[in-house]
């Protein structure tokens, strides 16, 4: 299991377009489960409506947990996505 935190820098937070792209990325990580947590509530990052339900805004710090499959590769891919897009 890998964990990392990330502070959202995008002025709009995690809105529909980047959320959809993140879900697509996570679904493509075969055999890996990625969860995202905000204020003690964790959801599967592959579930768009659950992800949007967290209401993640600019300045919020979220924690990602990556389990199964190639955790190192998956962690790197998700962190890279977040850095480039949010």
PDB file of N, CA and C in Angstrom:
ATOM      1  N   UNK A   1       0.843  -1.182   0.000  1.00  0.00           N
ATOM      2  CA  UNK A   1       0.000   0.000   0.000  1.00  0.00           C
ATOM      3  C   UNK A   1       0.887   1.244   0.000  1.00  0.00           C
ATOM      4  N   UNK A   2       0.525   2.187  -0.860  1.00  0.00           N
ATOM      5  CA  UNK A   2       1.235   3.467  -0.958  1.00  0.00           C
ATOM      6  C   UNK A   2       0.246   4.571  -0.597  1.00  0.00           C
ATOM      7  N   UNK A   3       0.748   5.597   0.092  1.00  0.00           N
ATOM      8  CA  UNK A   3      -0.079   6.750   0.445  1.00  0.00           C
ATOM      9  C   UNK A   3       0.679   8.023   0.144  1.00  0.00           C
ATOM     10  N   UNK A   4      -0.051   9.034  -0.323  1.00  0.00           N
ATOM     11  CA  UNK A   4       0.537  10.357  -0.462  1.00  0.00           C
ATOM     12  C   UNK A   4      -0.557  11.405  -0.334  1.00  0.00           C
ATOM     13  N   UNK A   5      -0.160  12.605   0.059  1.00  0.00           N
ATOM     14  CA  UNK A   5      -1.116  13.704   0.164  1.00  0.00           C
ATOM     15  C   UNK A   5      -0.835  14.706  -0.941  1.00  0.00           C
ATOM     16  N   UNK A   6      -1.882  15.441  -1.301  1.00  0.00           N
ATOM     17  CA  UNK A   6      -1.752  16.441  -2.352  1.00  0.00           C
ATOM     18  C   UNK A   6      -2.690  17.603  -2.020  1.00  0.00           C
ATOM     19  N   UNK A   7      -2.192  18.823  -2.158  1.00  0.00           N
ATOM     20  CA  UNK A   7      -3.011  20.010  -1.946  1.00  0.00           C
ATOM     21  C   UNK A   7      -3.454  20.545  -3.303  1.00  0.00           C
ATOM     22  N   UNK A   8      -4.753  20.707  -3.466  1.00  0.00           N
ATOM     23  CA  UNK A   8      -5.348  21.139  -4.735  1.00  0.00           C
ATOM     24  C   UNK A   8      -4.978  22.601  -5.008  1.00  0.00           C
ATOM     25  N   UNK A   9      -4.446  22.849  -6.207  1.00  0.00           N
ATOM     26  CA  UNK A   9      -4.019  24.185  -6.595  1.00  0.00           C
ATOM     27  C   UNK A   9      -4.949  24.821  -7.624  1.00  0.00           C
ATOM     28  N   UNK A  10      -5.740  24.031  -8.319  1.00  0.00           N
ATOM     29  CA  UNK A  10      -6.662  24.547  -9.325  1.00  0.00           C
ATOM     30  C   UNK A  10      -7.730  25.404  -8.643  1.00  0.00           C
ATOM     31  N   UNK A  11      -7.957  26.593  -9.176  1.00  0.00           N
ATOM     32  CA  UNK A  11      -8.904  27.535  -8.576  1.00  0.00           C
ATOM     33  C   UNK A  11     -10.318  26.964  -8.456  1.00  0.00           C
ATOM     34  N   UNK A  12     -10.691  26.056  -9.346  1.00  0.00           N
ATOM     35  CA  UNK A  12     -12.027  25.469  -9.321  1.00  0.00           C
ATOM     36  C   UNK A  12     -12.089  24.160  -8.538  1.00  0.00           C
ATOM     37  N   UNK A  13     -10.960  23.712  -8.018  1.00  0.00           N
ATOM     38  CA  UNK A  13     -10.935  22.441  -7.298  1.00  0.00           C
ATOM     39  C   UNK A  13     -11.084  21.274  -8.267  1.00  0.00           C
ATOM     40  N   UNK A  14     -11.548  20.149  -7.771  1.00  0.00           N
ATOM     41  CA  UNK A  14     -11.771  18.996  -8.651  1.00  0.00           C
ATOM     42  C   UNK A  14     -13.185  19.131  -9.217  1.00  0.00           C
ATOM     43  N   UNK A  15     -13.265  19.609 -10.440  1.00  0.00           N
ATOM     44  CA  UNK A  15     -14.552  19.780 -11.109  1.00  0.00           C
ATOM     45  C   UNK A  15     -14.707  18.690 -12.166  1.00  0.00           C
ATOM     46  N   UNK A  16     -15.777  18.721 -12.924  1.00  0.00           N
ATOM     47  CA  UNK A  16     -16.175  17.616 -13.798  1.00  0.00           C
ATOM     48  C   UNK A  16     -15.095  17.135 -14.776  1.00  0.00           C
ATOM     49  N   UNK A  17     -14.467  18.047 -15.513  1.00  0.00           N
ATOM     50  CA  UNK A  17     -13.508  17.617 -16.535  1.00  0.00           C
ATOM     51  C   UNK A  17     -12.306  16.877 -15.934  1.00  0.00           C
ATOM     52  N   UNK A  18     -11.581  17.476 -14.966  1.00  0.00           N
ATOM     53  CA  UNK A  18     -10.440  16.738 -14.421  1.00  0.00           C
ATOM     54  C   UNK A  18     -10.862  15.510 -13.611  1.00  0.00           C
ATOM     55  N   UNK A  19     -12.035  15.561 -12.998  1.00  0.00           N
ATOM     56  CA  UNK A  19     -12.514  14.392 -12.257  1.00  0.00           C
ATOM     57  C   UNK A  19     -12.735  13.222 -13.211  1.00  0.00           C
ATOM     58  N   UNK A  20     -13.337  13.503 -14.364  1.00  0.00           N
ATOM     59  CA  UNK A  20     -13.555  12.461 -15.369  1.00  0.00           C
ATOM     60  C   UNK A  20     -12.246  11.889 -15.879  1.00  0.00           C
ATOM     61  N   UNK A  21     -11.260  12.753 -16.079  1.00  0.00           N
ATOM     62  CA  UNK A  21      -9.935  12.293 -16.541  1.00  0.00           C
ATOM     63  C   UNK A  21      -9.250  11.454 -15.472  1.00  0.00           C
ATOM     64  N   UNK A  22      -9.390  11.855 -14.205  1.00  0.00           N
ATOM     65  CA  UNK A  22      -8.787  11.085 -13.113  1.00  0.00           C
ATOM     66  C   UNK A  22      -9.437   9.709 -13.022  1.00  0.00           C
ATOM     67  N   UNK A  23     -10.757   9.655 -13.136  1.00  0.00           N
ATOM     68  CA  UNK A  23     -11.474   8.378 -13.097  1.00  0.00           C
ATOM     69  C   UNK A  23     -10.990   7.472 -14.233  1.00  0.00           C
ATOM     70  N   UNK A  24     -10.844   8.037 -15.428  1.00  0.00           N
ATOM     71  CA  UNK A  24     -10.374   7.260 -16.580  1.00  0.00           C
ATOM     72  C   UNK A  24      -8.971   6.709 -16.329  1.00  0.00           C
ATOM     73  N   UNK A  25      -8.096   7.533 -15.764  1.00  0.00           N
ATOM     74  CA  UNK A  25      -6.735   7.089 -15.445  1.00  0.00           C
ATOM     75  C   UNK A  25      -6.758   5.943 -14.446  1.00  0.00           C
ATOM     76  N   UNK A  26      -7.519   6.120 -13.369  1.00  0.00           N
ATOM     77  CA  UNK A  26      -7.578   5.114 -12.301  1.00  0.00           C
ATOM     78  C   UNK A  26      -8.159   3.800 -12.821  1.00  0.00           C
ATOM     79  N   UNK A  27      -9.203   3.881 -13.647  1.00  0.00           N
ATOM     80  CA  UNK A  27      -9.789   2.659 -14.202  1.00  0.00           C
ATOM     81  C   UNK A  27      -8.798   1.915 -15.094  1.00  0.00           C
ATOM     82  N   UNK A  28      -7.870   2.631 -15.688  1.00  0.00           N
ATOM     83  CA  UNK A  28      -6.862   2.012 -16.546  1.00  0.00           C
ATOM     84  C   UNK A  28      -5.718   1.356 -15.796  1.00  0.00           C
ATOM     85  N   UNK A  29      -5.647   1.547 -14.492  1.00  0.00           N
ATOM     86  CA  UNK A  29      -4.588   0.948 -13.675  1.00  0.00           C
ATOM     87  C   UNK A  29      -5.035  -0.445 -13.252  1.00  0.00           C
ATOM     88  N   UNK A  30      -4.730  -1.417 -14.073  1.00  0.00           N
ATOM     89  CA  UNK A  30      -5.210  -2.783 -13.891  1.00  0.00           C
ATOM     90  C   UNK A  30      -4.800  -3.381 -12.544  1.00  0.00           C
ATOM     91  N   UNK A  31      -5.778  -3.923 -11.845  1.00  0.00           N
ATOM     92  CA  UNK A  31      -5.514  -4.608 -10.582  1.00  0.00           C
ATOM     93  C   UNK A  31      -5.176  -3.679  -9.430  1.00  0.00           C
ATOM     94  N   UNK A  32      -5.394  -2.379  -9.607  1.00  0.00           N
ATOM     95  CA  UNK A  32      -5.045  -1.407  -8.579  1.00  0.00           C
ATOM     96  C   UNK A  32      -6.296  -0.668  -8.124  1.00  0.00           C
ATOM     97  N   UNK A  33      -6.425  -0.489  -6.817  1.00  0.00           N
ATOM     98  CA  UNK A  33      -7.522   0.285  -6.253  1.00  0.00           C
ATOM     99  C   UNK A  33      -6.935   1.581  -5.699  1.00  0.00           C
ATOM    100  N   UNK A  34      -7.499   2.709  -6.134  1.00  0.00           N
ATOM    101  CA  UNK A  34      -7.052   4.010  -5.666  1.00  0.00           C
ATOM    102  C   UNK A  34      -8.208   4.654  -4.914  1.00  0.00           C
ATOM    103  N   UNK A  35      -7.946   5.062  -3.670  1.00  0.00           N
ATOM    104  CA  UNK A  35      -8.957   5.780  -2.913  1.00  0.00           C
ATOM    105  C   UNK A  35      -8.451   7.193  -2.657  1.00  0.00           C
ATOM    106  N   UNK A  36      -9.390   8.115  -2.537  1.00  0.00           N
ATOM    107  CA  UNK A  36      -9.069   9.508  -2.229  1.00  0.00           C
ATOM    108  C   UNK A  36      -9.867   9.879  -0.983  1.00  0.00           C
ATOM    109  N   UNK A  37      -9.204  10.543  -0.046  1.00  0.00           N
ATOM    110  CA  UNK A  37      -9.826  10.870   1.232  1.00  0.00           C
ATOM    111  C   UNK A  37      -9.729  12.367   1.507  1.00  0.00           C
ATOM    112  N   UNK A  38     -10.844  12.910   1.982  1.00  0.00           N
ATOM    113  CA  UNK A  38     -10.890  14.315   2.415  1.00  0.00           C
ATOM    114  C   UNK A  38     -11.656  14.361   3.728  1.00  0.00           C
ATOM    115  N   UNK A  39     -11.037  14.929   4.742  1.00  0.00           N
ATOM    116  CA  UNK A  39     -11.684  15.091   6.059  1.00  0.00           C
ATOM    117  C   UNK A  39     -12.258  13.789   6.598  1.00  0.00           C
ATOM    118  N   UNK A  40     -11.517  12.704   6.463  1.00  0.00           N
ATOM    119  CA  UNK A  40     -11.937  11.427   7.020  1.00  0.00           C
ATOM    120  C   UNK A  40     -12.903  10.626   6.165  1.00  0.00           C
ATOM    121  N   UNK A  41     -13.358  11.177   5.044  1.00  0.00           N
ATOM    122  CA  UNK A  41     -14.264  10.440   4.152  1.00  0.00           C
ATOM    123  C   UNK A  41     -13.470   9.973   2.940  1.00  0.00           C
ATOM    124  N   UNK A  42     -13.408   8.656   2.748  1.00  0.00           N
ATOM    125  CA  UNK A  42     -12.647   8.079   1.637  1.00  0.00           C
ATOM    126  C   UNK A  42     -13.590   7.448   0.623  1.00  0.00           C
ATOM    127  N   UNK A  43     -13.271   7.655  -0.670  1.00  0.00           N
ATOM    128  CA  UNK A  43     -14.066   7.060  -1.743  1.00  0.00           C
ATOM    129  C   UNK A  43     -13.142   6.458  -2.787  1.00  0.00           C
ATOM    130  N   UNK A  44     -13.681   5.536  -3.561  1.00  0.00           N
ATOM    131  CA  UNK A  44     -12.954   4.931  -4.662  1.00  0.00           C
ATOM    132  C   UNK A  44     -12.799   5.986  -5.762  1.00  0.00           C
ATOM    133  N   UNK A  45     -11.568   6.271  -6.170  1.00  0.00           N
ATOM    134  CA  UNK A  45     -11.306   7.303  -7.168  1.00  0.00           C
ATOM    135  C   UNK A  45     -11.782   6.906  -8.567  1.00  0.00           C
ATOM    136  N   UNK A  46     -12.229   5.674  -8.737  1.00  0.00           N
ATOM    137  CA  UNK A  46     -12.748   5.230 -10.032  1.00  0.00           C
ATOM    138  C   UNK A  46     -14.250   5.487 -10.153  1.00  0.00           C
ATOM    139  N   UNK A  47     -14.859   6.037  -9.126  1.00  0.00           N
ATOM    140  CA  UNK A  47     -16.305   6.298  -9.106  1.00  0.00           C
ATOM    141  C   UNK A  47     -16.535   7.805  -9.182  1.00  0.00           C
ATOM    142  N   UNK A  48     -16.910   8.286 -10.367  1.00  0.00           N
ATOM    143  CA  UNK A  48     -17.032   9.722 -10.629  1.00  0.00           C
ATOM    144  C   UNK A  48     -17.960  10.435  -9.646  1.00  0.00           C
ATOM    145  N   UNK A  49     -19.150   9.922  -9.446  1.00  0.00           N
ATOM    146  CA  UNK A  49     -20.117  10.615  -8.590  1.00  0.00           C
ATOM    147  C   UNK A  49     -19.654  10.657  -7.133  1.00  0.00           C
ATOM    148  N   UNK A  50     -18.999   9.599  -6.683  1.00  0.00           N
ATOM    149  CA  UNK A  50     -18.471   9.592  -5.316  1.00  0.00           C
ATOM    150  C   UNK A  50     -17.340  10.610  -5.183  1.00  0.00           C
ATOM    151  N   UNK A  51     -16.496  10.663  -6.188  1.00  0.00           N
ATOM    152  CA  UNK A  51     -15.381  11.615  -6.202  1.00  0.00           C
ATOM    153  C   UNK A  51     -15.908  13.051  -6.179  1.00  0.00           C
ATOM    154  N   UNK A  52     -16.885  13.339  -7.023  1.00  0.00           N
ATOM    155  CA  UNK A  52     -17.472  14.673  -7.069  1.00  0.00           C
ATOM    156  C   UNK A  52     -18.184  15.011  -5.754  1.00  0.00           C
ATOM    157  N   UNK A  53     -18.727  13.995  -5.102  1.00  0.00           N
ATOM    158  CA  UNK A  53     -19.438  14.180  -3.838  1.00  0.00           C
ATOM    159  C   UNK A  53     -18.564  14.658  -2.699  1.00  0.00           C
ATOM    160  N   UNK A  54     -17.258  14.502  -2.836  1.00  0.00           N
ATOM    161  CA  UNK A  54     -16.347  14.979  -1.789  1.00  0.00           C
ATOM    162  C   UNK A  54     -16.267  16.507  -1.769  1.00  0.00           C
ATOM    163  N   UNK A  55     -16.628  17.153  -2.867  1.00  0.00           N
ATOM    164  CA  UNK A  55     -16.619  18.620  -2.918  1.00  0.00           C
ATOM    165  C   UNK A  55     -15.242  19.206  -2.687  1.00  0.00           C
ATOM    166  N   UNK A  56     -14.246  18.687  -3.372  1.00  0.00           N
ATOM    167  CA  UNK A  56     -12.863  19.110  -3.158  1.00  0.00           C
ATOM    168  C   UNK A  56     -12.615  20.464  -3.824  1.00  0.00           C
ATOM    169  N   UNK A  57     -12.197  21.428  -3.019  1.00  0.00           N
ATOM    170  CA  UNK A  57     -11.986  22.805  -3.471  1.00  0.00           C
ATOM    171  C   UNK A  57     -10.495  23.148  -3.488  1.00  0.00           C
ATOM    172  N   UNK A  58     -10.180  24.293  -4.083  1.00  0.00           N
ATOM    173  CA  UNK A  58      -8.815  24.805  -4.095  1.00  0.00           C
ATOM    174  C   UNK A  58      -8.326  24.979  -2.649  1.00  0.00           C
ATOM    175  N   UNK A  59      -7.135  24.501  -2.372  1.00  0.00           N
ATOM    176  CA  UNK A  59      -6.561  24.602  -1.035  1.00  0.00           C
ATOM    177  C   UNK A  59      -6.805  23.393  -0.160  1.00  0.00           C
ATOM    178  N   UNK A  60      -7.745  22.526  -0.548  1.00  0.00           N
ATOM    179  CA  UNK A  60      -8.002  21.302   0.217  1.00  0.00           C
ATOM    180  C   UNK A  60      -6.836  20.336   0.056  1.00  0.00           C
ATOM    181  N   UNK A  61      -6.504  19.651   1.129  1.00  0.00           N
ATOM    182  CA  UNK A  61      -5.486  18.609   1.072  1.00  0.00           C
ATOM    183  C   UNK A  61      -6.186  17.264   1.127  1.00  0.00           C
ATOM    184  N   UNK A  62      -5.876  16.418   0.150  1.00  0.00           N
ATOM    185  CA  UNK A  62      -6.483  15.091   0.067  1.00  0.00           C
ATOM    186  C   UNK A  62      -5.391  14.035   0.194  1.00  0.00           C
ATOM    187  N   UNK A  63      -5.788  12.855   0.629  1.00  0.00           N
ATOM    188  CA  UNK A  63      -4.858  11.732   0.762  1.00  0.00           C
ATOM    189  C   UNK A  63      -5.256  10.647  -0.212  1.00  0.00           C
ATOM    190  N   UNK A  64      -4.296  10.192  -0.994  1.00  0.00           N
ATOM    191  CA  UNK A  64      -4.507   9.094  -1.927  1.00  0.00           C
ATOM    192  C   UNK A  64      -3.916   7.828  -1.338  1.00  0.00           C
ATOM    193  N   UNK A  65      -4.615   6.712  -1.488  1.00  0.00           N
ATOM    194  CA  UNK A  65      -4.116   5.398  -1.113  1.00  0.00           C
ATOM    195  C   UNK A  65      -4.167   4.519  -2.357  1.00  0.00           C
ATOM    196  N   UNK A  66      -3.042   3.880  -2.654  1.00  0.00           N
ATOM    197  CA  UNK A  66      -2.931   3.025  -3.833  1.00  0.00           C
ATOM    198  C   UNK A  66      -2.630   1.611  -3.342  1.00  0.00           C
ATOM    199  N   UNK A  67      -3.476   0.642  -3.742  1.00  0.00           N
ATOM    200  CA  UNK A  67      -3.307  -0.742  -3.300  1.00  0.00           C
ATOM    201  C   UNK A  67      -3.421  -1.708  -4.472  1.00  0.00           C
ATOM    202  N   UNK A  68      -2.584  -2.741  -4.446  1.00  0.00           N
ATOM    203  CA  UNK A  68      -2.649  -3.808  -5.438  1.00  0.00           C
ATOM    204  C   UNK A  68      -1.920  -3.466  -6.716  1.00  0.00           C
ATOM    205  N   UNK A  69      -1.769  -4.457  -7.575  1.00  0.00           N
ATOM    206  CA  UNK A  69      -1.110  -4.246  -8.861  1.00  0.00           C
ATOM    207  C   UNK A  69       0.286  -3.666  -8.693  1.00  0.00           C
ATOM    208  N   UNK A  70       0.706  -2.848  -9.614  1.00  0.00           N
ATOM    209  CA  UNK A  70       2.002  -2.178  -9.547  1.00  0.00           C
ATOM    210  C   UNK A  70       1.808  -0.844  -8.826  1.00  0.00           C
ATOM    211  N   UNK A  71       1.922  -0.879  -7.505  1.00  0.00           N
ATOM    212  CA  UNK A  71       1.632   0.305  -6.697  1.00  0.00           C
ATOM    213  C   UNK A  71       2.557   1.479  -7.010  1.00  0.00           C
ATOM    214  N   UNK A  72       3.832   1.191  -7.254  1.00  0.00           N
ATOM    215  CA  UNK A  72       4.787   2.267  -7.547  1.00  0.00           C
ATOM    216  C   UNK A  72       4.401   3.001  -8.829  1.00  0.00           C
ATOM    217  N   UNK A  73       4.096   2.238  -9.864  1.00  0.00           N
ATOM    218  CA  UNK A  73       3.714   2.818 -11.155  1.00  0.00           C
ATOM    219  C   UNK A  73       2.403   3.594 -11.028  1.00  0.00           C
ATOM    220  N   UNK A  74       1.428   3.028 -10.313  1.00  0.00           N
ATOM    221  CA  UNK A  74       0.134   3.672 -10.145  1.00  0.00           C
ATOM    222  C   UNK A  74       0.263   4.962  -9.335  1.00  0.00           C
ATOM    223  N   UNK A  75       1.045   4.918  -8.269  1.00  0.00           N
ATOM    224  CA  UNK A  75       1.247   6.114  -7.444  1.00  0.00           C
ATOM    225  C   UNK A  75       1.880   7.228  -8.278  1.00  0.00           C
ATOM    226  N   UNK A  76       2.883   6.879  -9.055  1.00  0.00           N
ATOM    227  CA  UNK A  76       3.562   7.857  -9.900  1.00  0.00           C
ATOM    228  C   UNK A  76       2.593   8.461 -10.922  1.00  0.00           C
ATOM    229  N   UNK A  77       1.772   7.616 -11.540  1.00  0.00           N
ATOM    230  CA  UNK A  77       0.821   8.084 -12.553  1.00  0.00           C
ATOM    231  C   UNK A  77      -0.211   9.037 -11.960  1.00  0.00           C
ATOM    232  N   UNK A  78      -0.751   8.709 -10.789  1.00  0.00           N
ATOM    233  CA  UNK A  78      -1.769   9.548 -10.161  1.00  0.00           C
ATOM    234  C   UNK A  78      -1.146  10.869  -9.692  1.00  0.00           C
ATOM    235  N   UNK A  79       0.022  10.807  -9.075  1.00  0.00           N
ATOM    236  CA  UNK A  79       0.691  12.024  -8.613  1.00  0.00           C
ATOM    237  C   UNK A  79       1.039  12.930  -9.786  1.00  0.00           C
ATOM    238  N   UNK A  80       1.504  12.348 -10.874  1.00  0.00           N
ATOM    239  CA  UNK A  80       1.832  13.120 -12.068  1.00  0.00           C
ATOM    240  C   UNK A  80       0.577  13.790 -12.629  1.00  0.00           C
ATOM    241  N   UNK A  81      -0.523  13.055 -12.682  1.00  0.00           N
ATOM    242  CA  UNK A  81      -1.787  13.626 -13.154  1.00  0.00           C
ATOM    243  C   UNK A  81      -2.211  14.805 -12.292  1.00  0.00           C
ATOM    244  N   UNK A  82      -2.173  14.619 -10.985  1.00  0.00           N
ATOM    245  CA  UNK A  82      -2.594  15.670 -10.067  1.00  0.00           C
ATOM    246  C   UNK A  82      -1.713  16.912 -10.220  1.00  0.00           C
ATOM    247  N   UNK A  83      -0.419  16.727 -10.333  1.00  0.00           N
ATOM    248  CA  UNK A  83       0.507  17.847 -10.464  1.00  0.00           C
ATOM    249  C   UNK A  83       0.269  18.611 -11.768  1.00  0.00           C
ATOM    250  N   UNK A  84       0.013  17.912 -12.841  1.00  0.00           N
ATOM    251  CA  UNK A  84      -0.186  18.556 -14.138  1.00  0.00           C
ATOM    252  C   UNK A  84      -1.557  19.186 -14.313  1.00  0.00           C
ATOM    253  N   UNK A  85      -2.568  18.668 -13.605  1.00  0.00           N
ATOM    254  CA  UNK A  85      -3.949  19.097 -13.851  1.00  0.00           C
ATOM    255  C   UNK A  85      -4.650  19.794 -12.700  1.00  0.00           C
ATOM    256  N   UNK A  86      -4.214  19.559 -11.492  1.00  0.00           N
ATOM    257  CA  UNK A  86      -4.938  20.118 -10.352  1.00  0.00           C
ATOM    258  C   UNK A  86      -3.986  20.718  -9.339  1.00  0.00           C
TER     259      UNK A  86
END
